[in-house]
């Protein structure tokens, strides 16, 4: 069976993809790790290729997306496992 979604734990890659596709990721939590999930498409592969080749992104938009996705990641990680998130 072919995989229909691309999953990554890489915050920076997910932020770049989100900016380039103008679409936020879905989220999946596995073993206290938040994964960013994007549907597989030609546009996804083009965005990943552009990121890996050093495409210039708007610094403000990229940093805002990083902050937003990081907050989502931490919030979702804290919701699983029943802990209070403190060491």
N, C-alpha and C. Protein backbone atom coordinates (compact mmCIF):
# COMPACT_ATOMS: atom_id res chain seq x y z
N UNK A 1 0.84 -1.19 0.00
CA UNK A 1 0.00 0.00 0.00
C UNK A 1 0.89 1.25 0.00
N UNK A 2 0.52 2.19 -0.80
CA UNK A 2 1.28 3.42 -0.92
C UNK A 2 0.94 4.38 0.22
N UNK A 3 1.99 5.01 0.75
CA UNK A 3 1.78 5.99 1.80
C UNK A 3 1.17 7.25 1.20
N UNK A 4 0.16 7.82 1.87
CA UNK A 4 -0.53 8.98 1.34
C UNK A 4 -0.11 10.28 2.01
N UNK A 5 0.65 10.18 3.10
CA UNK A 5 1.06 11.35 3.85
C UNK A 5 2.56 11.35 4.08
N UNK A 6 3.14 12.53 4.10
CA UNK A 6 4.55 12.71 4.44
C UNK A 6 4.59 13.18 5.88
N UNK A 7 5.36 12.49 6.71
CA UNK A 7 5.49 12.85 8.12
C UNK A 7 6.92 13.23 8.41
N UNK A 8 7.08 14.31 9.20
CA UNK A 8 8.41 14.74 9.61
C UNK A 8 8.35 15.33 11.01
N UNK A 9 9.42 15.14 11.76
CA UNK A 9 9.55 15.77 13.07
C UNK A 9 10.39 17.04 12.96
N UNK A 10 10.87 17.35 11.76
CA UNK A 10 11.75 18.50 11.51
C UNK A 10 10.92 19.79 11.48
N UNK A 11 11.03 20.57 12.55
CA UNK A 11 10.27 21.81 12.68
C UNK A 11 10.58 22.79 11.56
N UNK A 12 11.83 22.89 11.17
CA UNK A 12 12.24 23.87 10.17
C UNK A 12 11.76 23.48 8.77
N UNK A 13 11.86 22.20 8.45
CA UNK A 13 11.35 21.72 7.17
C UNK A 13 9.83 21.90 7.11
N UNK A 14 9.14 21.53 8.18
CA UNK A 14 7.68 21.66 8.22
C UNK A 14 7.26 23.12 8.08
N UNK A 15 8.00 24.03 8.70
CA UNK A 15 7.68 25.45 8.59
C UNK A 15 7.87 25.95 7.17
N UNK A 16 8.95 25.52 6.53
CA UNK A 16 9.19 25.94 5.14
C UNK A 16 8.12 25.39 4.21
N UNK A 17 7.78 24.11 4.37
CA UNK A 17 6.74 23.51 3.54
C UNK A 17 5.42 24.24 3.74
N UNK A 18 5.10 24.51 4.99
CA UNK A 18 3.85 25.21 5.30
C UNK A 18 3.80 26.58 4.63
N UNK A 19 4.92 27.31 4.67
CA UNK A 19 4.97 28.63 4.02
C UNK A 19 4.87 28.51 2.50
N UNK A 20 5.61 27.58 1.93
CA UNK A 20 5.63 27.45 0.47
C UNK A 20 4.30 26.96 -0.08
N UNK A 21 3.62 26.07 0.65
CA UNK A 21 2.33 25.55 0.19
C UNK A 21 1.16 26.41 0.64
N UNK A 22 1.44 27.37 1.51
CA UNK A 22 0.38 28.23 2.08
C UNK A 22 -0.70 27.39 2.75
N UNK A 23 -0.24 26.36 3.49
CA UNK A 23 -1.18 25.43 4.12
C UNK A 23 -0.53 24.85 5.38
N UNK A 24 -1.24 24.90 6.51
CA UNK A 24 -0.66 24.35 7.74
C UNK A 24 -0.66 22.82 7.72
N UNK A 25 0.24 22.21 8.49
CA UNK A 25 0.27 20.75 8.53
C UNK A 25 -0.81 20.19 9.44
N UNK A 26 -1.05 18.90 9.30
CA UNK A 26 -1.81 18.17 10.31
C UNK A 26 -0.78 17.68 11.31
N UNK A 27 -1.24 17.17 12.43
CA UNK A 27 -0.33 16.74 13.49
C UNK A 27 -0.62 15.31 13.88
N UNK A 28 0.43 14.63 14.32
CA UNK A 28 0.29 13.26 14.78
C UNK A 28 1.29 13.09 15.93
N UNK A 29 0.84 12.56 17.06
CA UNK A 29 1.73 12.37 18.20
C UNK A 29 2.02 10.89 18.35
N UNK A 30 3.31 10.56 18.36
CA UNK A 30 3.77 9.18 18.55
C UNK A 30 4.90 9.18 19.56
N UNK A 31 4.75 8.41 20.62
CA UNK A 31 5.80 8.28 21.64
C UNK A 31 6.29 9.65 22.12
N UNK A 32 5.38 10.52 22.46
CA UNK A 32 5.67 11.87 22.95
C UNK A 32 6.37 12.75 21.94
N UNK A 33 6.35 12.39 20.68
CA UNK A 33 6.92 13.21 19.61
C UNK A 33 5.79 13.67 18.70
N UNK A 34 5.81 14.93 18.40
CA UNK A 34 4.81 15.47 17.48
C UNK A 34 5.37 15.42 16.07
N UNK A 35 4.61 14.83 15.19
CA UNK A 35 4.99 14.77 13.78
C UNK A 35 4.11 15.73 13.00
N UNK A 36 4.72 16.40 12.04
CA UNK A 36 4.00 17.28 11.14
C UNK A 36 3.65 16.46 9.91
N UNK A 37 2.39 16.48 9.51
CA UNK A 37 1.90 15.61 8.45
C UNK A 37 1.35 16.45 7.30
N UNK A 38 1.85 16.15 6.10
CA UNK A 38 1.39 16.82 4.88
C UNK A 38 0.94 15.76 3.89
N UNK A 39 -0.14 16.01 3.15
CA UNK A 39 -0.53 15.06 2.09
C UNK A 39 0.51 15.06 0.98
N UNK A 40 0.83 13.89 0.49
CA UNK A 40 1.83 13.77 -0.57
C UNK A 40 1.25 14.31 -1.88
N UNK A 41 2.04 15.16 -2.53
CA UNK A 41 1.65 15.73 -3.82
C UNK A 41 2.91 16.20 -4.54
N UNK A 42 2.75 16.53 -5.80
CA UNK A 42 3.87 17.08 -6.55
C UNK A 42 4.34 18.41 -5.94
N UNK A 43 3.38 19.21 -5.47
CA UNK A 43 3.74 20.49 -4.86
C UNK A 43 4.55 20.28 -3.59
N UNK A 44 4.23 19.24 -2.82
CA UNK A 44 5.01 18.93 -1.62
C UNK A 44 6.45 18.61 -2.00
N UNK A 45 6.63 17.76 -3.00
CA UNK A 45 7.99 17.40 -3.42
C UNK A 45 8.75 18.63 -3.95
N UNK A 46 8.05 19.50 -4.66
CA UNK A 46 8.69 20.73 -5.15
C UNK A 46 9.11 21.62 -3.99
N UNK A 47 8.25 21.74 -2.96
CA UNK A 47 8.58 22.56 -1.80
C UNK A 47 9.77 21.98 -1.02
N UNK A 48 9.79 20.66 -0.86
CA UNK A 48 10.91 20.02 -0.16
C UNK A 48 12.20 20.21 -0.94
N UNK A 49 12.15 20.06 -2.25
CA UNK A 49 13.32 20.25 -3.09
C UNK A 49 13.81 21.69 -3.02
N UNK A 50 12.89 22.64 -3.07
CA UNK A 50 13.26 24.05 -2.99
C UNK A 50 13.93 24.35 -1.65
N UNK A 51 13.39 23.82 -0.55
CA UNK A 51 13.97 24.04 0.77
C UNK A 51 15.38 23.45 0.84
N UNK A 52 15.53 22.24 0.35
CA UNK A 52 16.84 21.58 0.39
C UNK A 52 17.86 22.25 -0.52
N UNK A 53 17.39 22.99 -1.52
CA UNK A 53 18.30 23.72 -2.41
C UNK A 53 18.51 25.17 -1.97
N UNK A 54 17.98 25.53 -0.80
CA UNK A 54 18.27 26.84 -0.23
C UNK A 54 17.41 27.99 -0.74
N UNK A 55 16.14 27.72 -1.03
CA UNK A 55 15.25 28.79 -1.48
C UNK A 55 15.20 29.91 -0.44
N UNK A 56 15.11 31.13 -0.91
CA UNK A 56 14.99 32.25 0.00
C UNK A 56 13.53 32.38 0.43
N UNK A 57 13.33 32.44 1.74
CA UNK A 57 11.99 32.60 2.30
C UNK A 57 11.91 33.95 2.99
N UNK A 58 10.71 34.49 3.08
CA UNK A 58 10.49 35.70 3.85
C UNK A 58 10.83 35.39 5.31
N UNK A 59 11.84 36.06 5.85
CA UNK A 59 12.33 35.75 7.20
C UNK A 59 11.26 35.92 8.26
N UNK A 60 10.47 36.98 8.15
CA UNK A 60 9.42 37.21 9.14
C UNK A 60 8.37 36.11 9.12
N UNK A 61 7.87 35.79 7.93
CA UNK A 61 6.85 34.74 7.82
C UNK A 61 7.39 33.39 8.28
N UNK A 62 8.62 33.09 7.88
CA UNK A 62 9.24 31.81 8.26
C UNK A 62 9.40 31.72 9.78
N UNK A 63 9.89 32.78 10.41
CA UNK A 63 10.08 32.74 11.86
C UNK A 63 8.75 32.66 12.61
N UNK A 64 7.74 33.34 12.09
CA UNK A 64 6.41 33.28 12.72
C UNK A 64 5.84 31.86 12.61
N UNK A 65 6.05 31.21 11.48
CA UNK A 65 5.56 29.84 11.30
C UNK A 65 6.31 28.90 12.23
N UNK A 66 7.61 29.09 12.37
CA UNK A 66 8.39 28.26 13.29
C UNK A 66 7.83 28.40 14.70
N UNK A 67 7.59 29.63 15.15
CA UNK A 67 7.05 29.85 16.50
C UNK A 67 5.69 29.18 16.67
N UNK A 68 4.84 29.33 15.67
CA UNK A 68 3.50 28.76 15.75
C UNK A 68 3.55 27.22 15.79
N UNK A 69 4.32 26.62 14.90
CA UNK A 69 4.40 25.16 14.86
C UNK A 69 5.07 24.61 16.12
N UNK A 70 6.06 25.33 16.65
CA UNK A 70 6.73 24.89 17.88
C UNK A 70 5.74 24.90 19.04
N UNK A 71 4.93 25.96 19.13
CA UNK A 71 3.92 26.04 20.19
C UNK A 71 2.92 24.89 20.07
N UNK A 72 2.47 24.61 18.84
CA UNK A 72 1.56 23.48 18.61
C UNK A 72 2.21 22.17 19.01
N UNK A 73 3.48 22.01 18.64
CA UNK A 73 4.21 20.79 18.94
C UNK A 73 4.29 20.57 20.45
N UNK A 74 4.65 21.61 21.19
CA UNK A 74 4.79 21.49 22.64
C UNK A 74 3.44 21.25 23.31
N UNK A 75 2.42 21.93 22.82
CA UNK A 75 1.08 21.76 23.39
C UNK A 75 0.58 20.33 23.19
N UNK A 76 0.75 19.81 22.00
CA UNK A 76 0.28 18.46 21.70
C UNK A 76 1.10 17.41 22.44
N UNK A 77 2.38 17.63 22.56
CA UNK A 77 3.23 16.69 23.29
C UNK A 77 2.81 16.66 24.76
N UNK A 78 2.44 17.82 25.30
CA UNK A 78 2.02 17.90 26.70
C UNK A 78 0.67 17.27 26.97
N UNK A 79 -0.15 17.11 25.94
CA UNK A 79 -1.48 16.53 26.12
C UNK A 79 -1.45 15.02 26.23
N UNK A 80 -0.38 14.40 25.78
CA UNK A 80 -0.30 12.95 25.84
C UNK A 80 0.57 12.52 27.00
N UNK A 81 0.36 11.35 27.52
CA UNK A 81 1.19 10.82 28.58
C UNK A 81 0.70 11.17 29.97
N UNK A 82 -0.23 12.09 30.11
CA UNK A 82 -0.82 12.40 31.39
C UNK A 82 0.08 13.21 32.32
N UNK A 83 1.28 13.57 31.90
CA UNK A 83 2.18 14.35 32.74
C UNK A 83 1.84 15.81 32.68
N UNK A 84 2.48 16.59 33.57
CA UNK A 84 2.23 18.01 33.56
C UNK A 84 3.27 18.77 32.76
N UNK A 85 4.17 18.03 32.13
CA UNK A 85 5.16 18.66 31.27
C UNK A 85 6.38 19.20 31.99
N UNK A 86 6.42 19.02 33.31
CA UNK A 86 7.57 19.50 34.10
C UNK A 86 8.47 18.33 34.45
N UNK A 87 9.75 18.61 34.53
CA UNK A 87 10.72 17.57 34.86
C UNK A 87 10.82 17.36 36.34
